[in-house]
Amino acid sequence: QVQLVESGGGLVQAGGSLRLSCAASGRTFSGYPMAWFRQGPGKEREFVGTITSSGVTTVYANSVKDRFTISRENGKNTVYLQMNSLKPEDTAVYYCAAGKLWSTRSDDYNYWGQGTQVTVSS
């Protein structure tokens, strides 16, 4: 089992920045690809970005590319989502996830955090 806890959400003005953290406990964190997903009000959960277990490779959704950056510190069992140039449409609950497959599909991730709310005001 892997337990995930997100933090760092909050209220920010458009154009601002936030950094989300996801702390993992349980089985070996460094062996898991990690991903961030989000679910906005009235919307389905959508892929934000993913990072390989080594941290070498990342993939992002087009909607956040060049604004968001995923990184990880395996020694601290933590993955981060740096969000810059935030827009009102980025408002959502953000979830981190861990899985055995490096994927953009939520079905491929076995472990999920409880989510953290990000609200971007215009």
PDB file of N, CA and C in Angstrom:
ATOM      1  N   GLN A   1       0.829  -1.204   0.000  1.00  0.00           N
ATOM      2  CA  GLN A   1       0.000   0.000   0.000  1.00  0.00           C
ATOM      3  C   GLN A   1       0.859   1.248   0.000  1.00  0.00           C
ATOM      4  N   VAL A   2       0.368   2.280  -0.652  1.00  0.00           N
ATOM      5  CA  VAL A   2       0.999   3.591  -0.656  1.00  0.00           C
ATOM      6  C   VAL A   2      -0.046   4.602  -0.202  1.00  0.00           C
ATOM      7  N   GLN A   3       0.310   5.403   0.770  1.00  0.00           N
ATOM      8  CA  GLN A   3      -0.580   6.463   1.221  1.00  0.00           C
ATOM      9  C   GLN A   3      -0.043   7.799   0.695  1.00  0.00           C
ATOM     10  N   LEU A   4      -0.940   8.611   0.159  1.00  0.00           N
ATOM     11  CA  LEU A   4      -0.566   9.884  -0.444  1.00  0.00           C
ATOM     12  C   LEU A   4      -1.337  11.015   0.219  1.00  0.00           C
ATOM     13  N   VAL A   5      -0.636  12.083   0.540  1.00  0.00           N
ATOM     14  CA  VAL A   5      -1.268  13.253   1.160  1.00  0.00           C
ATOM     15  C   VAL A   5      -0.813  14.505   0.424  1.00  0.00           C
ATOM     16  N   GLU A   6      -1.776  15.196  -0.185  1.00  0.00           N
ATOM     17  CA  GLU A   6      -1.471  16.443  -0.895  1.00  0.00           C
ATOM     18  C   GLU A   6      -1.561  17.635   0.049  1.00  0.00           C
ATOM     19  N   SER A   7      -0.817  18.672  -0.273  1.00  0.00           N
ATOM     20  CA  SER A   7      -0.891  19.930   0.459  1.00  0.00           C
ATOM     21  C   SER A   7      -0.471  21.062  -0.466  1.00  0.00           C
ATOM     22  N   GLY A   8      -0.741  22.295  -0.029  1.00  0.00           N
ATOM     23  CA  GLY A   8      -0.285  23.455  -0.776  1.00  0.00           C
ATOM     24  C   GLY A   8      -1.356  24.166  -1.570  1.00  0.00           C
ATOM     25  N   GLY A   9      -2.564  23.633  -1.571  1.00  0.00           N
ATOM     26  CA  GLY A   9      -3.632  24.305  -2.293  1.00  0.00           C
ATOM     27  C   GLY A   9      -4.053  25.585  -1.596  1.00  0.00           C
ATOM     28  N   GLY A  10      -4.896  26.350  -2.286  1.00  0.00           N
ATOM     29  CA  GLY A  10      -5.382  27.594  -1.699  1.00  0.00           C
ATOM     30  C   GLY A  10      -6.003  28.494  -2.735  1.00  0.00           C
ATOM     31  N   LEU A  11      -6.185  29.742  -2.339  1.00  0.00           N
ATOM     32  CA  LEU A  11      -6.776  30.762  -3.204  1.00  0.00           C
ATOM     33  C   LEU A  11      -5.668  31.663  -3.735  1.00  0.00           C
ATOM     34  N   VAL A  12      -5.666  31.882  -5.039  1.00  0.00           N
ATOM     35  CA  VAL A  12      -4.639  32.715  -5.651  1.00  0.00           C
ATOM     36  C   VAL A  12      -5.273  33.522  -6.775  1.00  0.00           C
ATOM     37  N   GLN A  13      -4.733  34.688  -7.036  1.00  0.00           N
ATOM     38  CA  GLN A  13      -5.238  35.511  -8.138  1.00  0.00           C
ATOM     39  C   GLN A  13      -4.696  34.997  -9.471  1.00  0.00           C
ATOM     40  N   ALA A  14      -5.428  35.273 -10.516  1.00  0.00           N
ATOM     41  CA  ALA A  14      -4.969  34.907 -11.855  1.00  0.00           C
ATOM     42  C   ALA A  14      -3.592  35.506 -12.118  1.00  0.00           C
ATOM     43  N   GLY A  15      -2.735  34.701 -12.714  1.00  0.00           N
ATOM     44  CA  GLY A  15      -1.363  35.105 -12.960  1.00  0.00           C
ATOM     45  C   GLY A  15      -0.405  34.709 -11.857  1.00  0.00           C
ATOM     46  N   GLY A  16      -0.943  34.273 -10.738  1.00  0.00           N
ATOM     47  CA  GLY A  16      -0.116  33.888  -9.605  1.00  0.00           C
ATOM     48  C   GLY A  16       0.406  32.472  -9.706  1.00  0.00           C
ATOM     49  N   SER A  17       1.077  32.041  -8.641  1.00  0.00           N
ATOM     50  CA  SER A  17       1.703  30.722  -8.601  1.00  0.00           C
ATOM     51  C   SER A  17       1.356  30.000  -7.304  1.00  0.00           C
ATOM     52  N   LEU A  18       1.387  28.681  -7.394  1.00  0.00           N
ATOM     53  CA  LEU A  18       1.259  27.808  -6.224  1.00  0.00           C
ATOM     54  C   LEU A  18       2.134  26.600  -6.451  1.00  0.00           C
ATOM     55  N   ARG A  19       2.598  26.011  -5.359  1.00  0.00           N
ATOM     56  CA  ARG A  19       3.308  24.740  -5.457  1.00  0.00           C
ATOM     57  C   ARG A  19       2.596  23.714  -4.578  1.00  0.00           C
ATOM     58  N   LEU A  20       2.136  22.668  -5.223  1.00  0.00           N
ATOM     59  CA  LEU A  20       1.507  21.569  -4.499  1.00  0.00           C
ATOM     60  C   LEU A  20       2.561  20.515  -4.169  1.00  0.00           C
ATOM     61  N   SER A  21       2.371  19.883  -3.034  1.00  0.00           N
ATOM     62  CA  SER A  21       3.235  18.781  -2.626  1.00  0.00           C
ATOM     63  C   SER A  21       2.390  17.541  -2.402  1.00  0.00           C
ATOM     64  N   CYS A  22       2.993  16.409  -2.620  1.00  0.00           N
ATOM     65  CA  CYS A  22       2.332  15.130  -2.360  1.00  0.00           C
ATOM     66  C   CYS A  22       3.333  14.249  -1.626  1.00  0.00           C
ATOM     67  N   ALA A  23       3.055  13.991  -0.361  1.00  0.00           N
ATOM     68  CA  ALA A  23       3.941  13.175   0.461  1.00  0.00           C
ATOM     69  C   ALA A  23       3.438  11.739   0.463  1.00  0.00           C
ATOM     70  N   ALA A  24       4.356  10.821   0.235  1.00  0.00           N
ATOM     71  CA  ALA A  24       4.006   9.408   0.155  1.00  0.00           C
ATOM     72  C   ALA A  24       4.596   8.629   1.317  1.00  0.00           C
ATOM     73  N   SER A  25       3.870   7.640   1.746  1.00  0.00           N
ATOM     74  CA  SER A  25       4.379   6.716   2.765  1.00  0.00           C
ATOM     75  C   SER A  25       3.952   5.309   2.367  1.00  0.00           C
ATOM     76  N   GLY A  26       4.597   4.350   2.957  1.00  0.00           N
ATOM     77  CA  GLY A  26       4.260   2.975   2.631  1.00  0.00           C
ATOM     78  C   GLY A  26       5.378   2.324   1.834  1.00  0.00           C
ATOM     79  N   ARG A  27       5.014   1.663   0.754  1.00  0.00           N
ATOM     80  CA  ARG A  27       5.999   0.940  -0.043  1.00  0.00           C
ATOM     81  C   ARG A  27       6.963   1.894  -0.743  1.00  0.00           C
ATOM     82  N   THR A  28       7.959   1.369  -1.361  1.00  0.00           N
ATOM     83  CA  THR A  28       9.033   2.148  -1.950  1.00  0.00           C
ATOM     84  C   THR A  28       8.516   3.152  -2.959  1.00  0.00           C
ATOM     85  N   PHE A  29       8.605   4.422  -2.578  1.00  0.00           N
ATOM     86  CA  PHE A  29       8.091   5.504  -3.397  1.00  0.00           C
ATOM     87  C   PHE A  29       8.827   5.599  -4.720  1.00  0.00           C
ATOM     88  N   SER A  30      10.131   5.404  -4.679  1.00  0.00           N
ATOM     89  CA  SER A  30      10.943   5.642  -5.866  1.00  0.00           C
ATOM     90  C   SER A  30      10.632   4.691  -7.008  1.00  0.00           C
ATOM     91  N   GLY A  31       9.925   3.621  -6.730  1.00  0.00           N
ATOM     92  CA  GLY A  31       9.598   2.674  -7.774  1.00  0.00           C
ATOM     93  C   GLY A  31       8.328   2.998  -8.535  1.00  0.00           C
ATOM     94  N   TYR A  32       7.627   4.045  -8.145  1.00  0.00           N
ATOM     95  CA  TYR A  32       6.327   4.344  -8.725  1.00  0.00           C
ATOM     96  C   TYR A  32       6.364   5.566  -9.629  1.00  0.00           C
ATOM     97  N   PRO A  33       5.865   5.438 -10.849  1.00  0.00           N
ATOM     98  CA  PRO A  33       5.536   6.648 -11.598  1.00  0.00           C
ATOM     99  C   PRO A  33       4.449   7.406 -10.833  1.00  0.00           C
ATOM    100  N   MET A  34       4.480   8.724 -10.931  1.00  0.00           N
ATOM    101  CA  MET A  34       3.512   9.557 -10.223  1.00  0.00           C
ATOM    102  C   MET A  34       2.819  10.475 -11.217  1.00  0.00           C
ATOM    103  N   ALA A  35       1.621  10.885 -10.846  1.00  0.00           N
ATOM    104  CA  ALA A  35       0.867  11.769 -11.729  1.00  0.00           C
ATOM    105  C   ALA A  35       0.020  12.722 -10.910  1.00  0.00           C
ATOM    106  N   TRP A  36      -0.364  13.801 -11.564  1.00  0.00           N
ATOM    107  CA  TRP A  36      -1.329  14.738 -11.017  1.00  0.00           C
ATOM    108  C   TRP A  36      -2.547  14.761 -11.941  1.00  0.00           C
ATOM    109  N   PHE A  37      -3.708  14.743 -11.322  1.00  0.00           N
ATOM    110  CA  PHE A  37      -4.978  14.898 -12.019  1.00  0.00           C
ATOM    111  C   PHE A  37      -5.737  16.028 -11.325  1.00  0.00           C
ATOM    112  N   ARG A  38      -6.779  16.498 -11.982  1.00  0.00           N
ATOM    113  CA  ARG A  38      -7.620  17.517 -11.352  1.00  0.00           C
ATOM    114  C   ARG A  38      -9.067  17.334 -11.771  1.00  0.00           C
ATOM    115  N   GLN A  39      -9.944  17.843 -10.927  1.00  0.00           N
ATOM    116  CA  GLN A  39     -11.377  17.792 -11.232  1.00  0.00           C
ATOM    117  C   GLN A  39     -11.986  19.133 -10.880  1.00  0.00           C
ATOM    118  N   GLY A  40     -12.388  19.849 -11.913  1.00  0.00           N
ATOM    119  CA  GLY A  40     -13.016  21.142 -11.726  1.00  0.00           C
ATOM    120  C   GLY A  40     -14.494  21.003 -11.434  1.00  0.00           C
ATOM    121  N   PRO A  41     -15.141  22.073 -10.988  1.00  0.00           N
ATOM    122  CA  PRO A  41     -16.566  22.018 -10.661  1.00  0.00           C
ATOM    123  C   PRO A  41     -17.395  21.618 -11.867  1.00  0.00           C
ATOM    124  N   GLY A  42     -18.174  20.570 -11.714  1.00  0.00           N
ATOM    125  CA  GLY A  42     -19.024  20.109 -12.790  1.00  0.00           C
ATOM    126  C   GLY A  42     -18.301  19.418 -13.926  1.00  0.00           C
ATOM    127  N   LYS A  43     -17.025  19.090 -13.708  1.00  0.00           N
ATOM    128  CA  LYS A  43     -16.234  18.466 -14.770  1.00  0.00           C
ATOM    129  C   LYS A  43     -15.752  17.082 -14.356  1.00  0.00           C
ATOM    130  N   GLU A  44     -15.347  16.310 -15.350  1.00  0.00           N
ATOM    131  CA  GLU A  44     -14.751  15.024 -15.053  1.00  0.00           C
ATOM    132  C   GLU A  44     -13.284  15.201 -14.658  1.00  0.00           C
ATOM    133  N   ARG A  45     -12.748  14.212 -13.975  1.00  0.00           N
ATOM    134  CA  ARG A  45     -11.346  14.245 -13.609  1.00  0.00           C
ATOM    135  C   ARG A  45     -10.496  14.225 -14.878  1.00  0.00           C
ATOM    136  N   GLU A  46      -9.469  15.064 -14.916  1.00  0.00           N
ATOM    137  CA  GLU A  46      -8.629  15.133 -16.106  1.00  0.00           C
ATOM    138  C   GLU A  46      -7.152  15.045 -15.739  1.00  0.00           C
ATOM    139  N   PHE A  47      -6.393  14.555 -16.681  1.00  0.00           N
ATOM    140  CA  PHE A  47      -4.943  14.410 -16.526  1.00  0.00           C
ATOM    141  C   PHE A  47      -4.274  15.780 -16.557  1.00  0.00           C
ATOM    142  N   VAL A  48      -3.303  15.967 -15.660  1.00  0.00           N
ATOM    143  CA  VAL A  48      -2.515  17.197 -15.630  1.00  0.00           C
ATOM    144  C   VAL A  48      -1.085  16.927 -16.086  1.00  0.00           C
ATOM    145  N   GLY A  49      -0.432  15.959 -15.463  1.00  0.00           N
ATOM    146  CA  GLY A  49       0.939  15.648 -15.821  1.00  0.00           C
ATOM    147  C   GLY A  49       1.410  14.407 -15.100  1.00  0.00           C
ATOM    148  N   THR A  50       2.504  13.843 -15.592  1.00  0.00           N
ATOM    149  CA  THR A  50       3.051  12.641 -14.994  1.00  0.00           C
ATOM    150  C   THR A  50       4.569  12.667 -15.055  1.00  0.00           C
ATOM    151  N   ILE A  51       5.187  11.916 -14.156  1.00  0.00           N
ATOM    152  CA  ILE A  51       6.641  11.858 -14.071  1.00  0.00           C
ATOM    153  C   ILE A  51       7.051  10.409 -13.845  1.00  0.00           C
ATOM    154  N   THR A  52       8.128  10.004 -14.519  1.00  0.00           N
ATOM    155  CA  THR A  52       8.606   8.637 -14.343  1.00  0.00           C
ATOM    156  C   THR A  52       9.177   8.427 -12.944  1.00  0.00           C
ATOM    157  N   SER A  53       9.383   7.176 -12.601  1.00  0.00           N
ATOM    158  CA  SER A  53       9.875   6.854 -11.256  1.00  0.00           C
ATOM    159  C   SER A  53      11.245   7.486 -10.992  1.00  0.00           C
ATOM    160  N   SER A  54      12.051   7.603 -12.030  1.00  0.00           N
ATOM    161  CA  SER A  54      13.379   8.200 -11.878  1.00  0.00           C
ATOM    162  C   SER A  54      13.339   9.718 -11.857  1.00  0.00           C
ATOM    163  N   GLY A  55      12.233  10.274 -12.342  1.00  0.00           N
ATOM    164  CA  GLY A  55      12.129  11.726 -12.421  1.00  0.00           C
ATOM    165  C   GLY A  55      12.727  12.323 -13.673  1.00  0.00           C
ATOM    166  N   VAL A  56      13.198  11.482 -14.578  1.00  0.00           N
ATOM    167  CA  VAL A  56      13.880  11.984 -15.766  1.00  0.00           C
ATOM    168  C   VAL A  56      12.907  12.538 -16.801  1.00  0.00           C
ATOM    169  N   THR A  57      11.756  11.905 -16.929  1.00  0.00           N
ATOM    170  CA  THR A  57      10.824  12.249 -18.004  1.00  0.00           C
ATOM    171  C   THR A  57       9.473  12.689 -17.455  1.00  0.00           C
ATOM    172  N   THR A  58       8.940  13.748 -18.045  1.00  0.00           N
ATOM    173  CA  THR A  58       7.612  14.237 -17.683  1.00  0.00           C
ATOM    174  C   THR A  58       6.767  14.426 -18.938  1.00  0.00           C
ATOM    175  N   VAL A  59       5.470  14.341 -18.760  1.00  0.00           N
ATOM    176  CA  VAL A  59       4.503  14.600 -19.825  1.00  0.00           C
ATOM    177  C   VAL A  59       3.389  15.441 -19.227  1.00  0.00           C
ATOM    178  N   TYR A  60       2.909  16.415 -20.003  1.00  0.00           N
ATOM    179  CA  TYR A  60       1.882  17.323 -19.506  1.00  0.00           C
ATOM    180  C   TYR A  60       0.689  17.379 -20.453  1.00  0.00           C
ATOM    181  N   ALA A  61      -0.459  17.708 -19.885  1.00  0.00           N
ATOM    182  CA  ALA A  61      -1.611  18.030 -20.715  1.00  0.00           C
ATOM    183  C   ALA A  61      -1.331  19.336 -21.449  1.00  0.00           C
ATOM    184  N   ASN A  62      -1.892  19.460 -22.638  1.00  0.00           N
ATOM    185  CA  ASN A  62      -1.661  20.679 -23.427  1.00  0.00           C
ATOM    186  C   ASN A  62      -2.110  21.931 -22.693  1.00  0.00           C
ATOM    187  N   SER A  63      -3.157  21.789 -21.880  1.00  0.00           N
ATOM    188  CA  SER A  63      -3.729  22.950 -21.199  1.00  0.00           C
ATOM    189  C   SER A  63      -2.793  23.538 -20.140  1.00  0.00           C
ATOM    190  N   VAL A  64      -1.808  22.764 -19.688  1.00  0.00           N
ATOM    191  CA  VAL A  64      -0.911  23.251 -18.635  1.00  0.00           C
ATOM    192  C   VAL A  64       0.548  23.294 -19.077  1.00  0.00           C
ATOM    193  N   LYS A  65       0.825  22.801 -20.261  1.00  0.00           N
ATOM    194  CA  LYS A  65       2.203  22.756 -20.745  1.00  0.00           C
ATOM    195  C   LYS A  65       2.796  24.149 -20.745  1.00  0.00           C
ATOM    196  N   ASP A  66       4.036  24.255 -20.339  1.00  0.00           N
ATOM    197  CA  ASP A  66       4.797  25.504 -20.251  1.00  0.00           C
ATOM    198  C   ASP A  66       4.378  26.374 -19.076  1.00  0.00           C
ATOM    199  N   ARG A  67       3.379  25.957 -18.299  1.00  0.00           N
ATOM    200  CA  ARG A  67       2.991  26.692 -17.092  1.00  0.00           C
ATOM    201  C   ARG A  67       3.213  25.865 -15.831  1.00  0.00           C
ATOM    202  N   PHE A  68       3.021  24.555 -15.927  1.00  0.00           N
ATOM    203  CA  PHE A  68       3.138  23.664 -14.780  1.00  0.00           C
ATOM    204  C   PHE A  68       4.388  22.792 -14.930  1.00  0.00           C
ATOM    205  N   THR A  69       5.000  22.464 -13.784  1.00  0.00           N
ATOM    206  CA  THR A  69       6.172  21.604 -13.788  1.00  0.00           C
ATOM    207  C   THR A  69       6.052  20.586 -12.664  1.00  0.00           C
ATOM    208  N   ILE A  70       6.251  19.329 -13.016  1.00  0.00           N
ATOM    209  CA  ILE A  70       6.259  18.252 -12.023  1.00  0.00           C
ATOM    210  C   ILE A  70       7.707  17.891 -11.723  1.00  0.00           C
ATOM    211  N   SER A  71       7.979  17.665 -10.442  1.00  0.00           N
ATOM    212  CA  SER A  71       9.298  17.189 -10.022  1.00  0.00           C
ATOM    213  C   SER A  71       9.105  16.256  -8.840  1.00  0.00           C
ATOM    214  N   ARG A  72      10.158  15.544  -8.499  1.00  0.00           N
ATOM    215  CA  ARG A  72      10.067  14.639  -7.362  1.00  0.00           C
ATOM    216  C   ARG A  72      11.413  14.553  -6.653  1.00  0.00           C
ATOM    217  N   GLU A  73      11.329  14.300  -5.371  1.00  0.00           N
ATOM    218  CA  GLU A  73      12.514  14.041  -4.552  1.00  0.00           C
ATOM    219  C   GLU A  73      12.308  12.669  -3.912  1.00  0.00           C
ATOM    220  N   ASN A  74      12.917  11.665  -4.500  1.00  0.00           N
ATOM    221  CA  ASN A  74      12.702  10.303  -3.999  1.00  0.00           C
ATOM    222  C   ASN A  74      13.242  10.129  -2.582  1.00  0.00           C
ATOM    223  N   GLY A  75      14.265  10.879  -2.235  1.00  0.00           N
ATOM    224  CA  GLY A  75      14.803  10.783  -0.880  1.00  0.00           C
ATOM    225  C   GLY A  75      13.850  11.325   0.177  1.00  0.00           C
ATOM    226  N   LYS A  76      12.922  12.171  -0.262  1.00  0.00           N
ATOM    227  CA  LYS A  76      11.922  12.741   0.649  1.00  0.00           C
ATOM    228  C   LYS A  76      10.535  12.159   0.414  1.00  0.00           C
ATOM    229  N   ASN A  77      10.446  11.176  -0.491  1.00  0.00           N
ATOM    230  CA  ASN A  77       9.147  10.555  -0.799  1.00  0.00           C
ATOM    231  C   ASN A  77       8.091  11.595  -1.157  1.00  0.00           C
ATOM    232  N   THR A  78       8.478  12.562  -1.960  1.00  0.00           N
ATOM    233  CA  THR A  78       7.584  13.665  -2.270  1.00  0.00           C
ATOM    234  C   THR A  78       7.622  14.002  -3.758  1.00  0.00           C
ATOM    235  N   VAL A  79       6.455  14.296  -4.292  1.00  0.00           N
ATOM    236  CA  VAL A  79       6.343  14.800  -5.660  1.00  0.00           C
ATOM    237  C   VAL A  79       5.689  16.173  -5.592  1.00  0.00           C
ATOM    238  N   TYR A  80       6.087  17.042  -6.508  1.00  0.00           N
ATOM    239  CA  TYR A  80       5.632  18.430  -6.501  1.00  0.00           C
ATOM    240  C   TYR A  80       4.947  18.788  -7.811  1.00  0.00           C
ATOM    241  N   LEU A  81       4.071  19.772  -7.723  1.00  0.00           N
ATOM    242  CA  LEU A  81       3.482  20.366  -8.925  1.00  0.00           C
ATOM    243  C   LEU A  81       3.611  21.874  -8.782  1.00  0.00           C
ATOM    244  N   GLN A  82       4.541  22.443  -9.522  1.00  0.00           N
ATOM    245  CA  GLN A  82       4.712  23.898  -9.540  1.00  0.00           C
ATOM    246  C   GLN A  82       3.790  24.473 -10.604  1.00  0.00           C
ATOM    247  N   MET A  83       2.914  25.364 -10.192  1.00  0.00           N
ATOM    248  CA  MET A  83       1.919  25.935 -11.092  1.00  0.00           C
ATOM    249  C   MET A  83       2.149  27.439 -11.206  1.00  0.00           C
ATOM    250  N   ASN A  84       2.465  27.886 -12.392  1.00  0.00           N
ATOM    251  CA  ASN A  84       2.696  29.305 -12.665  1.00  0.00           C
ATOM    252  C   ASN A  84       1.649  29.835 -13.638  1.00  0.00           C
ATOM    253  N   SER A  85       1.546  31.144 -13.698  1.00  0.00           N
ATOM    254  CA  SER A  85       0.608  31.802 -14.622  1.00  0.00           C
ATOM    255  C   SER A  85      -0.786  31.187 -14.523  1.00  0.00           C
ATOM    256  N   LEU A  86      -1.260  31.049 -13.314  1.00  0.00           N
ATOM    257  CA  LEU A  86      -2.538  30.375 -13.102  1.00  0.00           C
ATOM    258  C   LEU A  86      -3.695  31.153 -13.706  1.00  0.00           C
ATOM    259  N   LYS A  87      -4.678  30.394 -14.169  1.00  0.00           N
ATOM    260  CA  LYS A  87      -5.873  30.953 -14.803  1.00  0.00           C
ATOM    261  C   LYS A  87      -7.111  30.496 -14.024  1.00  0.00           C
ATOM    262  N   PRO A  88      -8.197  31.241 -14.123  1.00  0.00           N
ATOM    263  CA  PRO A  88      -9.424  30.807 -13.437  1.00  0.00           C
ATOM    264  C   PRO A  88      -9.847  29.386 -13.827  1.00  0.00           C
ATOM    265  N   GLU A  89      -9.586  28.992 -15.058  1.00  0.00           N
ATOM    266  CA  GLU A  89      -9.971  27.645 -15.489  1.00  0.00           C
ATOM    267  C   GLU A  89      -9.099  26.548 -14.869  1.00  0.00           C
ATOM    268  N   ASP A  90      -8.054  26.931 -14.152  1.00  0.00           N
ATOM    269  CA  ASP A  90      -7.270  25.944 -13.421  1.00  0.00           C
ATOM    270  C   ASP A  90      -7.908  25.595 -12.075  1.00  0.00           C
ATOM    271  N   THR A  91      -8.970  26.285 -11.715  1.00  0.00           N
ATOM    272  CA  THR A  91      -9.662  25.999 -10.465  1.00  0.00           C
ATOM    273  C   THR A  91     -10.164  24.564 -10.452  1.00  0.00           C
ATOM    274  N   ALA A  92      -9.770  23.813  -9.428  1.00  0.00           N
ATOM    275  CA  ALA A  92     -10.109  22.394  -9.359  1.00  0.00           C
ATOM    276  C   ALA A  92      -9.584  21.822  -8.057  1.00  0.00           C
ATOM    277  N   VAL A  93     -10.022  20.608  -7.769  1.00  0.00           N
ATOM    278  CA  VAL A  93      -9.370  19.801  -6.749  1.00  0.00           C
ATOM    279  C   VAL A  93      -8.268  19.017  -7.449  1.00  0.00           C
ATOM    280  N   TYR A  94      -7.059  19.111  -6.916  1.00  0.00           N
ATOM    281  CA  TYR A  94      -5.905  18.459  -7.516  1.00  0.00           C
ATOM    282  C   TYR A  94      -5.545  17.213  -6.708  1.00  0.00           C
ATOM    283  N   TYR A  95      -5.351  16.127  -7.441  1.00  0.00           N
ATOM    284  CA  TYR A  95      -5.053  14.840  -6.832  1.00  0.00           C
ATOM    285  C   TYR A  95      -3.697  14.336  -7.333  1.00  0.00           C
ATOM    286  N   CYS A  96      -2.909  13.771  -6.432  1.00  0.00           N
ATOM    287  CA  CYS A  96      -1.737  13.033  -6.879  1.00  0.00           C
ATOM    288  C   CYS A  96      -2.066  11.545  -6.852  1.00  0.00           C
ATOM    289  N   ALA A  97      -1.360  10.806  -7.696  1.00  0.00           N
ATOM    290  CA  ALA A  97      -1.632   9.388  -7.834  1.00  0.00           C
ATOM    291  C   ALA A  97      -0.333   8.642  -8.098  1.00  0.00           C
ATOM    292  N   ALA A  98      -0.292   7.409  -7.651  1.00  0.00           N
ATOM    293  CA  ALA A  98       0.867   6.530  -7.865  1.00  0.00           C
ATOM    294  C   ALA A  98       0.411   5.256  -8.544  1.00  0.00           C
ATOM    295  N   GLY A  99       1.214   4.762  -9.456  1.00  0.00           N
ATOM    296  CA  GLY A  99       0.818   3.540 -10.143  1.00  0.00           C
ATOM    297  C   GLY A  99       2.010   2.774 -10.665  1.00  0.00           C
ATOM    298  N   LYS A 100       1.767   1.566 -11.115  1.00  0.00           N
ATOM    299  CA  LYS A 100       2.847   0.726 -11.623  1.00  0.00           C
ATOM    300  C   LYS A 100       3.167   1.028 -13.074  1.00  0.00           C
ATOM    301  N   LEU A 101       2.216   1.646 -13.771  1.00  0.00           N
ATOM    302  CA  LEU A 101       2.426   1.989 -15.167  1.00  0.00           C
ATOM    303  C   LEU A 101       2.589   3.492 -15.308  1.00  0.00           C
ATOM    304  N   TRP A 102       3.509   3.906 -16.127  1.00  0.00           N
ATOM    305  CA  TRP A 102       3.658   5.317 -16.442  1.00  0.00           C
ATOM    306  C   TRP A 102       2.656   5.633 -17.529  1.00  0.00           C
ATOM    307  N   SER A 103       1.657   6.447 -17.186  1.00  0.00           N
ATOM    308  CA  SER A 103       0.494   6.586 -18.056  1.00  0.00           C
ATOM    309  C   SER A 103      -0.168   7.934 -17.842  1.00  0.00           C
ATOM    310  N   THR A 104      -0.983   8.328 -18.804  1.00  0.00           N
ATOM    311  CA  THR A 104      -1.810   9.531 -18.665  1.00  0.00           C
ATOM    312  C   THR A 104      -3.239   9.175 -18.282  1.00  0.00           C
ATOM    313  N   ARG A 105      -3.523   7.888 -18.137  1.00  0.00           N
ATOM    314  CA  ARG A 105      -4.876   7.425 -17.861  1.00  0.00           C
ATOM    315  C   ARG A 105      -5.067   7.211 -16.362  1.00  0.00           C
ATOM    316  N   SER A 106      -6.138   7.731 -15.818  1.00  0.00           N
ATOM    317  CA  SER A 106      -6.380   7.597 -14.384  1.00  0.00           C
ATOM    318  C   SER A 106      -6.566   6.138 -13.978  1.00  0.00           C
ATOM    319  N   ASP A 107      -7.086   5.318 -14.877  1.00  0.00           N
ATOM    320  CA  ASP A 107      -7.314   3.898 -14.552  1.00  0.00           C
ATOM    321  C   ASP A 107      -6.026   3.153 -14.270  1.00  0.00           C
ATOM    322  N   ASP A 108      -4.900   3.677 -14.727  1.00  0.00           N
ATOM    323  CA  ASP A 108      -3.613   2.994 -14.527  1.00  0.00           C
ATOM    324  C   ASP A 108      -2.961   3.321 -13.194  1.00  0.00           C
ATOM    325  N   TYR A 109      -3.605   4.162 -12.406  1.00  0.00           N
ATOM    326  CA  TYR A 109      -3.030   4.542 -11.117  1.00  0.00           C
ATOM    327  C   TYR A 109      -3.825   3.899  -9.992  1.00  0.00           C
ATOM    328  N   ASN A 110      -3.087   3.245  -9.088  1.00  0.00           N
ATOM    329  CA  ASN A 110      -3.718   2.441  -8.059  1.00  0.00           C
ATOM    330  C   ASN A 110      -3.972   3.200  -6.765  1.00  0.00           C
ATOM    331  N   TYR A 111      -3.152   4.189  -6.493  1.00  0.00           N
ATOM    332  CA  TYR A 111      -3.207   4.875  -5.207  1.00  0.00           C
ATOM    333  C   TYR A 111      -3.445   6.369  -5.434  1.00  0.00           C
ATOM    334  N   TRP A 112      -4.317   6.929  -4.619  1.00  0.00           N
ATOM    335  CA  TRP A 112      -4.739   8.324  -4.780  1.00  0.00           C
ATOM    336  C   TRP A 112      -4.722   9.041  -3.440  1.00  0.00           C
ATOM    337  N   GLY A 113      -4.388  10.328  -3.495  1.00  0.00           N
ATOM    338  CA  GLY A 113      -4.531  11.166  -2.324  1.00  0.00           C
ATOM    339  C   GLY A 113      -5.954  11.663  -2.184  1.00  0.00           C
ATOM    340  N   GLN A 114      -6.196  12.442  -1.149  1.00  0.00           N
ATOM    341  CA  GLN A 114      -7.550  12.931  -0.880  1.00  0.00           C
ATOM    342  C   GLN A 114      -7.871  14.196  -1.670  1.00  0.00           C
ATOM    343  N   GLY A 115      -6.846  14.814  -2.240  1.00  0.00           N
ATOM    344  CA  GLY A 115      -7.048  16.013  -3.037  1.00  0.00           C
ATOM    345  C   GLY A 115      -6.834  17.296  -2.256  1.00  0.00           C
ATOM    346  N   THR A 116      -6.456  18.339  -2.976  1.00  0.00           N
ATOM    347  CA  THR A 116      -6.299  19.665  -2.382  1.00  0.00           C
ATOM    348  C   THR A 116      -6.925  20.692  -3.321  1.00  0.00           C
ATOM    349  N   GLN A 117      -7.680  21.616  -2.747  1.00  0.00           N
ATOM    350  CA  GLN A 117      -8.432  22.580  -3.556  1.00  0.00           C
ATOM    351  C   GLN A 117      -7.533  23.727  -3.996  1.00  0.00           C
ATOM    352  N   VAL A 118      -7.598  24.045  -5.278  1.00  0.00           N
ATOM    353  CA  VAL A 118      -6.943  25.226  -5.838  1.00  0.00           C
ATOM    354  C   VAL A 118      -8.022  26.096  -6.450  1.00  0.00           C
ATOM    355  N   THR A 119      -8.084  27.340  -6.019  1.00  0.00           N
ATOM    356  CA  THR A 119      -9.050  28.280  -6.550  1.00  0.00           C
ATOM    357  C   THR A 119      -8.313  29.494  -7.091  1.00  0.00           C
ATOM    358  N   VAL A 120      -8.572  29.814  -8.352  1.00  0.00           N
ATOM    359  CA  VAL A 120      -7.926  30.945  -9.007  1.00  0.00           C
ATOM    360  C   VAL A 120      -8.986  31.997  -9.299  1.00  0.00           C
ATOM    361  N   SER A 121      -8.813  33.147  -8.702  1.00  0.00           N
ATOM    362  CA  SER A 121      -9.780  34.235  -8.893  1.00  0.00           C
ATOM    363  C   SER A 121      -9.352  35.137 -10.051  1.00  0.00           C
ATOM    364  N   SER A 122     -10.339  35.684 -10.721  1.00  0.00           N
ATOM    365  CA  SER A 122     -10.040  36.544 -11.885  1.00  0.00           C
ATOM    366  C   SER A 122      -9.870  38.002 -11.474  1.00  0.00           C
TER     367      SER A 122
END
